[in-house]
Protein backbone atom coordinates (compact mmCIF):
# COMPACT_ATOMS: atom_id res chain seq x y z
CA MET A 1 116.17 5.26 -69.13
CA ARG A 2 115.36 8.03 -66.15
CA TRP A 3 114.05 11.22 -67.15
CA GLY A 4 117.38 12.98 -64.23
CA ASP A 5 119.57 10.47 -66.76
CA ILE A 6 118.73 11.91 -70.06
CA LEU A 7 118.66 15.46 -67.85
CA CYS A 8 122.60 14.42 -66.81
CA GLU A 9 123.74 13.25 -70.60
CA LEU A 10 123.05 16.23 -71.93
CA THR A 11 124.80 18.74 -69.55
CA THR A 12 127.52 15.96 -69.94
CA ILE A 13 127.69 16.13 -73.63
CA GLY A 14 128.07 19.89 -72.97
CA LYS A 15 130.50 20.31 -70.45
CA GLU A 16 132.47 17.73 -72.22
CA ALA A 17 132.06 20.26 -75.72
CA MET A 18 133.33 23.15 -73.38
CA LEU A 19 136.92 21.21 -72.24
CA HIS A 20 137.46 19.99 -76.00
CA ALA A 21 137.32 23.50 -76.99
CA ALA A 22 139.39 24.56 -73.92
CA SER A 23 141.96 22.09 -75.23
CA CYS A 24 141.93 22.92 -78.56
CA LYS A 25 142.95 26.35 -77.89
CA GLY A 26 145.65 27.31 -80.06
CA GLN A 27 145.31 24.67 -82.72
CA MET A 28 143.99 25.96 -85.73
CA LYS A 29 145.88 24.68 -88.78
CA SER A 30 143.36 23.86 -91.36
CA LYS A 31 144.19 19.61 -90.89
CA GLN A 32 143.06 20.14 -87.41
CA MET A 33 140.20 22.40 -88.30
CA THR A 34 138.46 20.02 -89.93
CA ASN A 35 139.05 17.11 -88.03
CA ASP A 36 137.65 19.40 -85.13
CA LYS A 37 134.56 20.65 -86.57
CA THR A 38 133.61 16.58 -87.36
CA ASN A 39 134.44 16.04 -83.52
CA SER A 40 131.79 19.03 -82.98
CA MET A 41 128.95 17.80 -85.25
CA ARG A 42 129.55 14.34 -83.76
CA ASN A 43 128.97 16.18 -80.34
CA TYR A 44 125.48 17.63 -82.21
CA GLN A 45 124.93 14.28 -83.84
CA GLU A 46 125.20 12.73 -80.21
CA LEU A 47 123.01 15.10 -78.44
CA VAL A 48 120.16 15.24 -80.98
CA LYS A 49 120.03 11.29 -80.04
CA ARG A 50 119.65 11.77 -76.33
CA VAL A 51 116.86 14.52 -77.15
CA ASP A 52 115.27 12.15 -79.27
CA LEU A 53 115.36 9.41 -76.43
CA LEU A 54 113.91 11.98 -74.21
CA CYS A 55 110.99 13.43 -76.62
CA ASP A 56 109.97 9.51 -76.98
CA THR A 57 110.13 9.13 -73.24
CA ILE A 58 107.65 11.70 -72.57
CA GLY A 59 105.64 10.71 -76.08
CA GLU A 60 105.20 7.45 -74.19
CA ARG A 61 103.99 9.10 -70.38
CA LEU A 62 101.61 11.23 -72.19
CA LYS A 63 100.32 8.71 -74.62
CA GLY A 64 96.77 8.76 -75.50
CA HIS A 65 97.34 12.98 -74.84
CA LEU A 66 99.37 14.14 -78.24
CA ALA A 67 97.44 15.04 -81.30
CA CYS A 68 100.80 15.37 -82.90
CA ARG A 69 101.24 13.43 -86.17
CA LYS A 70 102.45 13.06 -89.74
CA GLY A 71 100.64 15.90 -91.68
CA CYS A 72 100.51 18.30 -88.31
CA ASP A 73 102.33 21.34 -89.53
CA ALA A 74 100.81 24.28 -87.24
CA CYS A 75 104.28 24.28 -85.29
CA CYS A 76 106.23 24.47 -88.85
CA LEU A 77 107.30 27.59 -89.01
CA HIS A 78 109.90 29.49 -90.66
CA LEU A 79 112.60 29.67 -88.03
CA SER A 80 116.43 30.96 -87.37
CA LEU A 81 119.04 27.80 -86.09
CA PHE A 82 122.19 28.02 -85.16
CA ALA A 83 125.47 27.53 -87.13
CA VAL A 84 125.57 23.86 -86.03
CA GLU A 85 122.21 23.11 -87.27
CA ALA A 86 122.21 24.84 -89.95
CA ALA A 87 125.33 22.56 -91.00
CA ALA A 88 123.42 19.32 -90.29
CA VAL A 89 120.35 20.95 -92.52
CA ALA A 90 122.56 21.72 -95.55
CA GLU A 91 123.76 18.26 -95.61
CA ALA A 92 119.90 16.91 -95.43
CA ILE A 93 119.19 19.30 -98.70
CA LYS A 94 122.09 18.06 -100.23
CA SER A 95 120.85 14.65 -100.35
CA LEU A 96 117.78 15.52 -102.05
CA PRO A 97 116.78 14.85 -105.33
CA ALA A 98 117.85 17.58 -107.73
CA SER A 99 114.12 18.09 -108.86
CA LYS A 100 113.48 18.55 -104.96
CA ARG A 101 116.32 20.75 -104.42
CA LEU A 102 115.13 22.77 -107.23
CA THR A 103 111.11 23.04 -105.75
CA LEU A 104 112.47 23.75 -102.36
CA ARG A 105 114.52 27.19 -103.64
CA GLN A 106 111.85 28.47 -105.24
CA ARG A 107 109.66 28.12 -102.34
CA ALA A 108 112.94 29.42 -100.30
CA LYS A 109 112.46 32.53 -102.51
CA ASN A 110 108.97 33.16 -101.34
CA ALA A 111 109.38 32.16 -97.90
CA VAL A 112 108.58 35.34 -95.03
CA HIS A 113 109.61 35.25 -91.38
CA ASP A 114 107.43 33.34 -88.93
CA GLY A 115 105.68 32.12 -91.77
CA PRO A 116 105.39 28.84 -92.85
CA CYS A 117 108.85 26.33 -93.05
CA PRO A 118 110.07 26.27 -96.75
CA LEU A 119 111.22 23.00 -95.63
CA LEU A 120 107.44 21.83 -95.92
CA GLU A 121 106.01 19.58 -99.18
CA ASP A 122 102.22 18.43 -98.78
CA HIS A 123 102.17 19.33 -94.73
CA VAL A 124 105.42 17.12 -94.20
CA CYS A 125 109.21 18.28 -93.45
CA LEU A 126 111.30 17.09 -96.29
CA ILE A 127 114.50 16.39 -93.98
CA TYR A 128 112.77 15.22 -91.05
CA GLN A 129 115.14 13.26 -90.05
CA ALA A 130 117.98 15.82 -90.13
CA ARG A 131 114.79 18.48 -88.40
CA PRO A 132 116.49 21.22 -85.83
CA MET A 133 116.39 20.58 -82.21
CA ILE A 134 113.45 22.83 -81.98
CA CYS A 135 111.25 20.99 -84.44
CA ARG A 136 112.15 17.28 -82.51
CA THR A 137 110.71 18.96 -79.06
CA HIS A 138 107.40 20.93 -80.58
CA GLY A 139 104.13 20.16 -79.27
CA LEU A 140 105.33 18.75 -75.64
CA PRO A 141 105.60 20.55 -72.26
CA ILE A 142 108.09 23.13 -71.95
CA LEU A 143 109.38 24.70 -69.21
CA SER A 144 111.06 27.65 -69.40
CA ARG A 145 112.03 30.68 -67.27
CA ASN A 146 111.35 34.14 -67.90
CA ASP A 147 112.76 36.98 -65.25
CA GLY A 148 112.85 34.06 -62.72
CA ASP A 149 109.18 33.13 -63.21
CA ALA A 150 108.79 29.05 -64.38
CA GLU A 151 106.31 29.04 -67.42
CA VAL A 152 105.22 25.34 -68.97
CA ASP A 153 103.79 25.53 -72.29
CA PHE A 154 102.87 22.98 -74.84
CA CYS A 155 100.35 22.80 -78.15
CA PRO A 156 96.98 23.31 -77.28
CA GLU A 157 95.72 20.61 -78.78
CA ASN A 158 97.84 17.94 -76.90
CA CYS A 159 96.85 17.09 -72.82
CA ARG A 160 93.66 18.74 -73.18
CA GLU A 161 92.51 16.47 -70.44
CA LEU A 162 95.34 16.49 -67.97
CA THR A 163 95.12 19.07 -65.05
CA ALA A 164 98.35 18.64 -63.52
CA LEU A 165 101.50 17.21 -65.60
CA SER A 166 104.33 15.66 -63.42
CA GLY A 167 108.13 16.65 -63.54
CA ASP A 168 109.45 13.98 -66.09
CA MET A 169 107.16 14.71 -68.58
CA ILE A 170 108.34 18.25 -69.52
CA ILE A 171 111.17 19.33 -71.09
CA ASP A 172 113.79 22.08 -69.35
CA LEU A 173 114.46 24.50 -72.61
CA ASP A 174 117.13 26.26 -70.42
CA ARG A 175 119.18 23.54 -69.73
CA LEU A 176 118.84 22.14 -73.50
CA ASN A 177 119.78 25.61 -74.73
CA THR A 178 122.69 25.97 -72.93
CA ALA A 179 123.98 22.22 -74.42
CA LEU A 180 123.27 23.24 -77.97
CA ALA A 181 124.28 26.61 -77.49
CA THR A 182 128.03 25.63 -75.93
CA ILE A 183 128.48 22.86 -78.91
CA ASN A 184 127.24 25.51 -81.40
CA GLY A 185 129.99 27.59 -79.80
CA LEU A 186 132.58 24.99 -80.27
CA TYR A 187 131.57 24.00 -83.89
CA LEU A 188 131.94 27.68 -84.76
CA ARG A 189 135.59 28.21 -82.69
CA GLU A 190 136.59 24.26 -84.79
CA SER A 191 135.10 25.65 -88.09
CA GLY A 192 137.30 29.02 -87.63
CA ALA A 193 134.24 31.43 -87.40
CA GLU A 194 133.96 32.42 -84.01
CA ASP A 195 133.41 35.97 -85.92
CA GLN A 196 129.93 34.94 -87.66
CA ASP A 197 128.01 33.68 -84.27
CA GLY A 198 124.59 34.56 -85.37
CA ARG A 199 121.37 32.05 -86.49
CA GLN A 200 120.68 31.45 -89.83
CA PHE A 201 117.50 31.41 -91.31
CA VAL A 202 115.79 27.81 -93.09
CA SER A 203 115.50 29.74 -96.31
CA ASP A 204 118.79 31.46 -96.28
CA ILE A 205 120.44 27.47 -96.16
CA ILE A 206 118.88 26.42 -98.98
CA LEU A 207 119.37 29.04 -100.99
CA HIS A 208 122.75 28.98 -100.39
CA VAL A 209 122.84 24.76 -100.66
CA THR A 210 120.93 25.29 -103.82
CA GLU A 211 122.86 28.06 -105.68
């Protein structure tokens, strides 16, 4: 699949989420909320699938220039997440063995913001398959914009021998974040929690799930 096709699909997912949100106004009965909440989670999982495809495509283009590997956790910091991501992470934590959840709870109690992610154990993520969006793009070339100025950033261990990157090797962070924020807004609306649109730290998610 071409880069342009993947970006188009990311945008389409966000647009479909907005159209669905508009059609759901005034339908906030309990059963409807439950069904729509499931729909918004499906939107999120579809976005995850597309982003994974995008990252795999870029990884293939940059083959031989990426140092990212299992056990490399320099990027794995304690972050805050959108509510829809927090819900996916919570479900993954619930599926862990009881002994793992107990150890995880103790680690979450001692976690500090911008310190190591409490989900790390022996340099490996305990819920790797359900990891948040930012974790899926870590290390790869990212395009961001600040006051109109475009900047490309990536792990300093990667792309050391490259002097230039083509557009199909770079993730447009603004476009990805727009799609994610739209799906999160839909999730909040459909779960009746529009007034709770703040981000949640991973440690708080762990403590809530394991209490």
